[in-house]
Each structure stands twice: as C-alpha cells, then as structure tokens.
Amino acid sequence: SAVLRVAQRTETPVLPGEAAGYVKALRLSTNDSGS
C-alpha cells in the first residue's frame, strides 16, 4: 500500500505565515474520501 511522493523546492521565497496556508486545508473530515 506504499506510495512515495516527491517534490522540489523552487527559489520562490515563503513569506511569514504563508507556509501555514498550504496546510490549513488539510483538516480531514469523515466524508472526505473513500474507505
């Protein structure tokens, strides 16, 4: 069941507080996916 996902950082700076914006949508709900 393993999945490896890979990403690479660009030169674009991350502004203060901006990183949190990319994880704010990761709040899982019981209806968010299949089983």
PDB file of all heavy atoms in Angstrom:
ATOM      1  N   SER A   1       0.810  -1.223   0.000  1.00  0.00           N
ATOM      2  CA  SER A   1       0.000   0.000   0.000  1.00  0.00           C
ATOM      3  C   SER A   1       0.840   1.269   0.000  1.00  0.00           C
ATOM      4  O   SER A   1       0.304   2.369   0.101  1.00  0.00           O
ATOM      5  CB  SER A   1      -0.927   0.010   1.225  1.00  0.00           C
ATOM      6  OG  SER A   1      -0.170  -0.019   2.421  1.00  0.00           O
ATOM      7  N   ALA A   2       2.147   1.138  -0.134  1.00  0.00           N
ATOM      8  CA  ALA A   2       3.037   2.305  -0.028  1.00  0.00           C
ATOM      9  C   ALA A   2       2.957   3.196  -1.262  1.00  0.00           C
ATOM     10  O   ALA A   2       2.829   2.717  -2.385  1.00  0.00           O
ATOM     11  CB  ALA A   2       4.474   1.838   0.183  1.00  0.00           C
ATOM     12  N   VAL A   3       3.049   4.495  -1.027  1.00  0.00           N
ATOM     13  CA  VAL A   3       3.126   5.500  -2.101  1.00  0.00           C
ATOM     14  C   VAL A   3       4.216   6.494  -1.725  1.00  0.00           C
ATOM     15  O   VAL A   3       4.187   7.062  -0.622  1.00  0.00           O
ATOM     16  CB  VAL A   3       1.795   6.254  -2.287  1.00  0.00           C
ATOM     17  CG1 VAL A   3       1.943   7.340  -3.357  1.00  0.00           C
ATOM     18  CG2 VAL A   3       0.675   5.303  -2.656  1.00  0.00           C
ATOM     19  N   LEU A   4       5.163   6.702  -2.612  1.00  0.00           N
ATOM     20  CA  LEU A   4       6.204   7.715  -2.423  1.00  0.00           C
ATOM     21  C   LEU A   4       5.855   8.934  -3.270  1.00  0.00           C
ATOM     22  O   LEU A   4       5.657   8.819  -4.476  1.00  0.00           O
ATOM     23  CB  LEU A   4       7.567   7.154  -2.854  1.00  0.00           C
ATOM     24  CG  LEU A   4       8.715   8.169  -2.998  1.00  0.00           C
ATOM     25  CD1 LEU A   4       9.076   8.790  -1.655  1.00  0.00           C
ATOM     26  CD2 LEU A   4       9.938   7.501  -3.632  1.00  0.00           C
ATOM     27  N   ARG A   5       5.758  10.092  -2.643  1.00  0.00           N
ATOM     28  CA  ARG A   5       5.524  11.343  -3.367  1.00  0.00           C
ATOM     29  C   ARG A   5       6.736  12.253  -3.173  1.00  0.00           C
ATOM     30  O   ARG A   5       7.270  12.366  -2.061  1.00  0.00           O
ATOM     31  CB  ARG A   5       4.247  12.029  -2.892  1.00  0.00           C
ATOM     32  CG  ARG A   5       2.996  11.232  -3.242  1.00  0.00           C
ATOM     33  CD  ARG A   5       1.715  12.013  -3.027  1.00  0.00           C
ATOM     34  NE  ARG A   5       0.553  11.167  -3.270  1.00  0.00           N
ATOM     35  CZ  ARG A   5      -0.032  11.013  -4.452  1.00  0.00           C
ATOM     36  NH1 ARG A   5       0.431  11.677  -5.506  1.00  0.00           N
ATOM     37  NH2 ARG A   5      -1.081  10.224  -4.593  1.00  0.00           N
ATOM     38  N   VAL A   6       7.138  12.910  -4.250  1.00  0.00           N
ATOM     39  CA  VAL A   6       8.370  13.694  -4.253  1.00  0.00           C
ATOM     40  C   VAL A   6       8.078  15.095  -4.778  1.00  0.00           C
ATOM     41  O   VAL A   6       7.314  15.271  -5.734  1.00  0.00           O
ATOM     42  CB  VAL A   6       9.445  13.026  -5.135  1.00  0.00           C
ATOM     43  CG1 VAL A   6      10.762  13.802  -5.058  1.00  0.00           C
ATOM     44  CG2 VAL A   6       9.653  11.570  -4.716  1.00  0.00           C
ATOM     45  N   ALA A   7       8.669  16.090  -4.133  1.00  0.00           N
ATOM     46  CA  ALA A   7       8.542  17.479  -4.583  1.00  0.00           C
ATOM     47  C   ALA A   7       9.874  18.181  -4.410  1.00  0.00           C
ATOM     48  O   ALA A   7      10.717  17.765  -3.607  1.00  0.00           O
ATOM     49  CB  ALA A   7       7.458  18.201  -3.798  1.00  0.00           C
ATOM     50  N   GLN A   8      10.068  19.251  -5.173  1.00  0.00           N
ATOM     51  CA  GLN A   8      11.314  20.010  -5.123  1.00  0.00           C
ATOM     52  C   GLN A   8      11.015  21.475  -4.864  1.00  0.00           C
ATOM     53  O   GLN A   8      10.087  22.057  -5.426  1.00  0.00           O
ATOM     54  CB  GLN A   8      12.082  19.863  -6.435  1.00  0.00           C
ATOM     55  CG  GLN A   8      13.421  20.595  -6.454  1.00  0.00           C
ATOM     56  CD  GLN A   8      14.324  20.111  -7.572  1.00  0.00           C
ATOM     57  OE1 GLN A   8      14.422  18.913  -7.802  1.00  0.00           O
ATOM     58  NE2 GLN A   8      14.979  21.034  -8.257  1.00  0.00           N
ATOM     59  N   ARG A   9      11.809  22.070  -4.001  1.00  0.00           N
ATOM     60  CA  ARG A   9      11.649  23.481  -3.633  1.00  0.00           C
ATOM     61  C   ARG A   9      12.155  24.379  -4.756  1.00  0.00           C
ATOM     62  O   ARG A   9      13.195  24.108  -5.372  1.00  0.00           O
ATOM     63  CB  ARG A   9      12.444  23.734  -2.351  1.00  0.00           C
ATOM     64  CG  ARG A   9      12.273  25.104  -1.740  1.00  0.00           C
ATOM     65  CD  ARG A   9      10.903  25.279  -1.099  1.00  0.00           C
ATOM     66  NE  ARG A   9      10.893  26.538  -0.358  1.00  0.00           N
ATOM     67  CZ  ARG A   9      10.671  27.731  -0.902  1.00  0.00           C
ATOM     68  NH1 ARG A   9      10.404  27.839  -2.191  1.00  0.00           N
ATOM     69  NH2 ARG A   9      10.708  28.811  -0.153  1.00  0.00           N
ATOM     70  N   THR A  10      11.412  25.426  -5.038  1.00  0.00           N
ATOM     71  CA  THR A  10      11.844  26.416  -6.020  1.00  0.00           C
ATOM     72  C   THR A  10      12.578  27.552  -5.300  1.00  0.00           C
ATOM     73  O   THR A  10      12.768  27.524  -4.084  1.00  0.00           O
ATOM     74  CB  THR A  10      10.651  26.999  -6.788  1.00  0.00           C
ATOM     75  OG1 THR A  10       9.883  27.822  -5.891  1.00  0.00           O
ATOM     76  CG2 THR A  10       9.774  25.890  -7.354  1.00  0.00           C
ATOM     77  N   GLU A  11      12.938  28.592  -6.059  1.00  0.00           N
ATOM     78  CA  GLU A  11      13.614  29.740  -5.470  1.00  0.00           C
ATOM     79  C   GLU A  11      12.636  30.775  -4.919  1.00  0.00           C
ATOM     80  O   GLU A  11      13.043  31.774  -4.323  1.00  0.00           O
ATOM     81  CB  GLU A  11      14.520  30.399  -6.516  1.00  0.00           C
ATOM     82  CG  GLU A  11      15.680  29.507  -6.941  1.00  0.00           C
ATOM     83  CD  GLU A  11      16.576  30.178  -7.964  1.00  0.00           C
ATOM     84  OE1 GLU A  11      16.121  31.155  -8.593  1.00  0.00           O
ATOM     85  OE2 GLU A  11      17.724  29.725  -8.134  1.00  0.00           O
ATOM     86  N   THR A  12      11.335  30.549  -5.120  1.00  0.00           N
ATOM     87  CA  THR A  12      10.339  31.496  -4.638  1.00  0.00           C
ATOM     88  C   THR A  12      10.356  31.557  -3.115  1.00  0.00           C
ATOM     89  O   THR A  12      10.202  30.523  -2.450  1.00  0.00           O
ATOM     90  CB  THR A  12       8.934  31.086  -5.105  1.00  0.00           C
ATOM     91  OG1 THR A  12       8.915  31.026  -6.533  1.00  0.00           O
ATOM     92  CG2 THR A  12       7.876  32.077  -4.624  1.00  0.00           C
ATOM     93  N   PRO A  13      10.525  32.727  -2.530  1.00  0.00           N
ATOM     94  CA  PRO A  13      10.550  32.807  -1.060  1.00  0.00           C
ATOM     95  C   PRO A  13       9.180  32.511  -0.463  1.00  0.00           C
ATOM     96  O   PRO A  13       8.145  32.750  -1.093  1.00  0.00           O
ATOM     97  CB  PRO A  13      10.973  34.255  -0.794  1.00  0.00           C
ATOM     98  CG  PRO A  13      10.590  35.008  -2.031  1.00  0.00           C
ATOM     99  CD  PRO A  13      10.745  34.042  -3.167  1.00  0.00           C
ATOM    100  N   VAL A  14       9.198  31.977   0.752  1.00  0.00           N
ATOM    101  CA  VAL A  14       7.969  31.750   1.508  1.00  0.00           C
ATOM    102  C   VAL A  14       7.830  32.887   2.504  1.00  0.00           C
ATOM    103  O   VAL A  14       8.685  33.076   3.379  1.00  0.00           O
ATOM    104  CB  VAL A  14       8.008  30.395   2.249  1.00  0.00           C
ATOM    105  CG1 VAL A  14       6.752  30.221   3.098  1.00  0.00           C
ATOM    106  CG2 VAL A  14       8.132  29.257   1.251  1.00  0.00           C
ATOM    107  N   LEU A  15       6.772  33.655   2.362  1.00  0.00           N
ATOM    108  CA  LEU A  15       6.562  34.804   3.231  1.00  0.00           C
ATOM    109  C   LEU A  15       6.132  34.356   4.620  1.00  0.00           C
ATOM    110  O   LEU A  15       5.593  33.252   4.791  1.00  0.00           O
ATOM    111  CB  LEU A  15       5.505  35.722   2.620  1.00  0.00           C
ATOM    112  CG  LEU A  15       5.826  36.259   1.216  1.00  0.00           C
ATOM    113  CD1 LEU A  15       4.653  37.069   0.685  1.00  0.00           C
ATOM    114  CD2 LEU A  15       7.100  37.086   1.235  1.00  0.00           C
ATOM    115  N   PRO A  16       6.355  35.178   5.640  1.00  0.00           N
ATOM    116  CA  PRO A  16       5.937  34.810   7.002  1.00  0.00           C
ATOM    117  C   PRO A  16       4.459  34.437   7.053  1.00  0.00           C
ATOM    118  O   PRO A  16       3.601  35.167   6.567  1.00  0.00           O
ATOM    119  CB  PRO A  16       6.220  36.090   7.811  1.00  0.00           C
ATOM    120  CG  PRO A  16       7.322  36.770   7.056  1.00  0.00           C
ATOM    121  CD  PRO A  16       7.049  36.484   5.605  1.00  0.00           C
ATOM    122  N   GLY A  17       4.185  33.287   7.618  1.00  0.00           N
ATOM    123  CA  GLY A  17       2.812  32.812   7.742  1.00  0.00           C
ATOM    124  C   GLY A  17       2.264  32.123   6.515  1.00  0.00           C
ATOM    125  O   GLY A  17       1.203  31.497   6.568  1.00  0.00           O
ATOM    126  N   GLU A  18       2.964  32.227   5.385  1.00  0.00           N
ATOM    127  CA  GLU A  18       2.457  31.651   4.137  1.00  0.00           C
ATOM    128  C   GLU A  18       2.456  30.129   4.175  1.00  0.00           C
ATOM    129  O   GLU A  18       1.552  29.485   3.632  1.00  0.00           O
ATOM    130  CB  GLU A  18       3.298  32.134   2.958  1.00  0.00           C
ATOM    131  CG  GLU A  18       2.751  31.714   1.602  1.00  0.00           C
ATOM    132  CD  GLU A  18       3.585  32.236   0.449  1.00  0.00           C
ATOM    133  OE1 GLU A  18       4.674  32.805   0.708  1.00  0.00           O
ATOM    134  OE2 GLU A  18       3.160  32.079  -0.707  1.00  0.00           O
ATOM    135  N   ALA A  19       3.467  29.531   4.804  1.00  0.00           N
ATOM    136  CA  ALA A  19       3.553  28.071   4.841  1.00  0.00           C
ATOM    137  C   ALA A  19       2.327  27.461   5.496  1.00  0.00           C
ATOM    138  O   ALA A  19       1.837  26.413   5.072  1.00  0.00           O
ATOM    139  CB  ALA A  19       4.822  27.633   5.569  1.00  0.00           C
ATOM    140  N   ALA A  20       1.820  28.131   6.528  1.00  0.00           N
ATOM    141  CA  ALA A  20       0.636  27.610   7.219  1.00  0.00           C
ATOM    142  C   ALA A  20      -0.564  27.537   6.290  1.00  0.00           C
ATOM    143  O   ALA A  20      -1.443  26.683   6.457  1.00  0.00           O
ATOM    144  CB  ALA A  20       0.318  28.469   8.438  1.00  0.00           C
ATOM    145  N   GLY A  21      -0.600  28.432   5.294  1.00  0.00           N
ATOM    146  CA  GLY A  21      -1.719  28.433   4.364  1.00  0.00           C
ATOM    147  C   GLY A  21      -1.800  27.180   3.522  1.00  0.00           C
ATOM    148  O   GLY A  21      -2.884  26.798   3.073  1.00  0.00           O
ATOM    149  N   TYR A  22      -0.669  26.528   3.303  1.00  0.00           N
ATOM    150  CA  TYR A  22      -0.668  25.325   2.483  1.00  0.00           C
ATOM    151  C   TYR A  22      -1.131  24.093   3.253  1.00  0.00           C
ATOM    152  O   TYR A  22      -1.406  23.056   2.649  1.00  0.00           O
ATOM    153  CB  TYR A  22       0.723  25.084   1.901  1.00  0.00           C
ATOM    154  CG  TYR A  22       1.148  26.159   0.932  1.00  0.00           C
ATOM    155  CD1 TYR A  22       2.208  27.001   1.231  1.00  0.00           C
ATOM    156  CD2 TYR A  22       0.478  26.337  -0.270  1.00  0.00           C
ATOM    157  CE1 TYR A  22       2.589  28.000   0.346  1.00  0.00           C
ATOM    158  CE2 TYR A  22       0.850  27.335  -1.155  1.00  0.00           C
ATOM    159  CZ  TYR A  22       1.909  28.161  -0.841  1.00  0.00           C
ATOM    160  OH  TYR A  22       2.275  29.160  -1.716  1.00  0.00           O
ATOM    161  N   VAL A  23      -1.194  24.197   4.568  1.00  0.00           N
ATOM    162  CA  VAL A  23      -1.673  23.057   5.359  1.00  0.00           C
ATOM    163  C   VAL A  23      -3.031  23.320   5.997  1.00  0.00           C
ATOM    164  O   VAL A  23      -3.627  22.411   6.568  1.00  0.00           O
ATOM    165  CB  VAL A  23      -0.667  22.665   6.463  1.00  0.00           C
ATOM    166  CG1 VAL A  23       0.642  22.223   5.872  1.00  0.00           C
ATOM    167  CG2 VAL A  23      -0.458  23.788   7.448  1.00  0.00           C
ATOM    168  N   LYS A  24      -3.545  24.550   5.860  1.00  0.00           N
ATOM    169  CA  LYS A  24      -4.809  24.861   6.523  1.00  0.00           C
ATOM    170  C   LYS A  24      -5.966  24.040   5.961  1.00  0.00           C
ATOM    171  O   LYS A  24      -6.959  23.800   6.654  1.00  0.00           O
ATOM    172  CB  LYS A  24      -5.129  26.346   6.402  1.00  0.00           C
ATOM    173  CG  LYS A  24      -5.467  26.797   4.985  1.00  0.00           C
ATOM    174  CD  LYS A  24      -5.766  28.285   4.936  1.00  0.00           C
ATOM    175  CE  LYS A  24      -6.118  28.733   3.520  1.00  0.00           C
ATOM    176  NZ  LYS A  24      -6.411  30.192   3.474  1.00  0.00           N
ATOM    177  N   ALA A  25      -5.840  23.584   4.712  1.00  0.00           N
ATOM    178  CA  ALA A  25      -6.912  22.808   4.085  1.00  0.00           C
ATOM    179  C   ALA A  25      -6.797  21.325   4.382  1.00  0.00           C
ATOM    180  O   ALA A  25      -7.585  20.526   3.885  1.00  0.00           O
ATOM    181  CB  ALA A  25      -6.900  23.017   2.578  1.00  0.00           C
ATOM    182  N   LEU A  26      -5.837  20.942   5.223  1.00  0.00           N
ATOM    183  CA  LEU A  26      -5.614  19.522   5.459  1.00  0.00           C
ATOM    184  C   LEU A  26      -6.398  19.004   6.654  1.00  0.00           C
ATOM    185  O   LEU A  26      -6.030  18.011   7.254  1.00  0.00           O
ATOM    186  CB  LEU A  26      -4.115  19.262   5.681  1.00  0.00           C
ATOM    187  CG  LEU A  26      -3.200  19.734   4.557  1.00  0.00           C
ATOM    188  CD1 LEU A  26      -1.763  19.346   4.863  1.00  0.00           C
ATOM    189  CD2 LEU A  26      -3.621  19.155   3.228  1.00  0.00           C
ATOM    190  N   ARG A  27      -7.451  19.673   7.042  1.00  0.00           N
ATOM    191  CA  ARG A  27      -8.280  19.204   8.140  1.00  0.00           C
ATOM    192  C   ARG A  27      -9.223  18.144   7.598  1.00  0.00           C
ATOM    193  O   ARG A  27     -10.135  18.429   6.831  1.00  0.00           O
ATOM    194  CB  ARG A  27      -9.065  20.364   8.755  1.00  0.00           C
ATOM    195  CG  ARG A  27      -8.155  21.510   9.177  1.00  0.00           C
ATOM    196  CD  ARG A  27      -7.225  21.089  10.304  1.00  0.00           C
ATOM    197  NE  ARG A  27      -6.350  22.198  10.662  1.00  0.00           N
ATOM    198  CZ  ARG A  27      -5.025  22.157  10.523  1.00  0.00           C
ATOM    199  NH1 ARG A  27      -4.444  21.093  10.023  1.00  0.00           N
ATOM    200  NH2 ARG A  27      -4.298  23.182  10.893  1.00  0.00           N
ATOM    201  N   LEU A  28      -9.012  16.918   7.993  1.00  0.00           N
ATOM    202  CA  LEU A  28      -9.752  15.804   7.411  1.00  0.00           C
ATOM    203  C   LEU A  28     -11.137  15.688   8.026  1.00  0.00           C
ATOM    204  O   LEU A  28     -11.331  15.900   9.203  1.00  0.00           O
ATOM    205  CB  LEU A  28      -8.986  14.501   7.634  1.00  0.00           C
ATOM    206  CG  LEU A  28      -7.605  14.467   6.979  1.00  0.00           C
ATOM    207  CD1 LEU A  28      -6.849  13.253   7.444  1.00  0.00           C
ATOM    208  CD2 LEU A  28      -7.753  14.451   5.484  1.00  0.00           C
ATOM    209  N   SER A  29     -12.099  15.324   7.203  1.00  0.00           N
ATOM    210  CA  SER A  29     -13.438  15.040   7.697  1.00  0.00           C
ATOM    211  C   SER A  29     -13.789  13.606   7.364  1.00  0.00           C
ATOM    212  O   SER A  29     -13.183  12.967   6.523  1.00  0.00           O
ATOM    213  CB  SER A  29     -14.464  15.980   7.051  1.00  0.00           C
ATOM    214  OG  SER A  29     -14.651  15.648   5.689  1.00  0.00           O
ATOM    215  N   THR A  30     -14.798  13.085   8.032  1.00  0.00           N
ATOM    216  CA  THR A  30     -15.170  11.684   7.832  1.00  0.00           C
ATOM    217  C   THR A  30     -15.750  11.448   6.447  1.00  0.00           C
ATOM    218  O   THR A  30     -15.839  10.314   5.997  1.00  0.00           O
ATOM    219  CB  THR A  30     -16.208  11.261   8.883  1.00  0.00           C
ATOM    220  OG1 THR A  30     -17.321  12.159   8.817  1.00  0.00           O
ATOM    221  CG2 THR A  30     -15.619  11.304  10.268  1.00  0.00           C
ATOM    222  N   ASN A  31     -16.133  12.505   5.755  1.00  0.00           N
ATOM    223  CA  ASN A  31     -16.736  12.331   4.429  1.00  0.00           C
ATOM    224  C   ASN A  31     -15.773  12.688   3.307  1.00  0.00           C
ATOM    225  O   ASN A  31     -16.167  12.877   2.161  1.00  0.00           O
ATOM    226  CB  ASN A  31     -17.978  13.231   4.307  1.00  0.00           C
ATOM    227  CG  ASN A  31     -19.042  12.868   5.299  1.00  0.00           C
ATOM    228  OD1 ASN A  31     -19.295  11.699   5.537  1.00  0.00           O
ATOM    229  ND2 ASN A  31     -19.674  13.878   5.898  1.00  0.00           N
ATOM    230  N   ASP A  32     -14.466  12.786   3.633  1.00  0.00           N
ATOM    231  CA  ASP A  32     -13.505  13.328   2.676  1.00  0.00           C
ATOM    232  C   ASP A  32     -13.004  12.328   1.659  1.00  0.00           C
ATOM    233  O   ASP A  32     -12.347  12.686   0.709  1.00  0.00           O
ATOM    234  CB  ASP A  32     -12.311  13.907   3.441  1.00  0.00           C
ATOM    235  CG  ASP A  32     -11.476  14.833   2.580  1.00  0.00           C
ATOM    236  OD1 ASP A  32     -12.049  15.414   1.648  1.00  0.00           O
ATOM    237  OD2 ASP A  32     -10.275  14.956   2.831  1.00  0.00           O
ATOM    238  N   SER A  33     -13.269  11.055   1.841  1.00  0.00           N
ATOM    239  CA  SER A  33     -12.717  10.100   0.887  1.00  0.00           C
ATOM    240  C   SER A  33     -13.444   8.789   0.976  1.00  0.00           C
ATOM    241  O   SER A  33     -14.311   8.580   1.813  1.00  0.00           O
ATOM    242  CB  SER A  33     -11.232   9.859   1.179  1.00  0.00           C
ATOM    243  OG  SER A  33     -11.093   9.026   2.289  1.00  0.00           O
ATOM    244  N   GLY A  34     -13.001   7.892   0.125  1.00  0.00           N
ATOM    245  CA  GLY A  34     -13.460   6.524   0.199  1.00  0.00           C
ATOM    246  C   GLY A  34     -12.820   5.825   1.365  1.00  0.00           C
ATOM    247  O   GLY A  34     -12.091   6.400   2.150  1.00  0.00           O
ATOM    248  N   SER A  35     -13.028   4.509   1.479  1.00  0.00           N
ATOM    249  CA  SER A  35     -12.648   3.811   2.694  1.00  0.00           C
ATOM    250  C   SER A  35     -11.352   3.059   2.606  1.00  0.00           C
ATOM    251  O   SER A  35     -10.982   2.380   3.538  1.00  0.00           O
ATOM    252  CB  SER A  35     -13.765   2.822   3.070  1.00  0.00           C
ATOM    253  OG  SER A  35     -13.922   1.876   2.034  1.00  0.00           O
TER     254      SER A  35
END
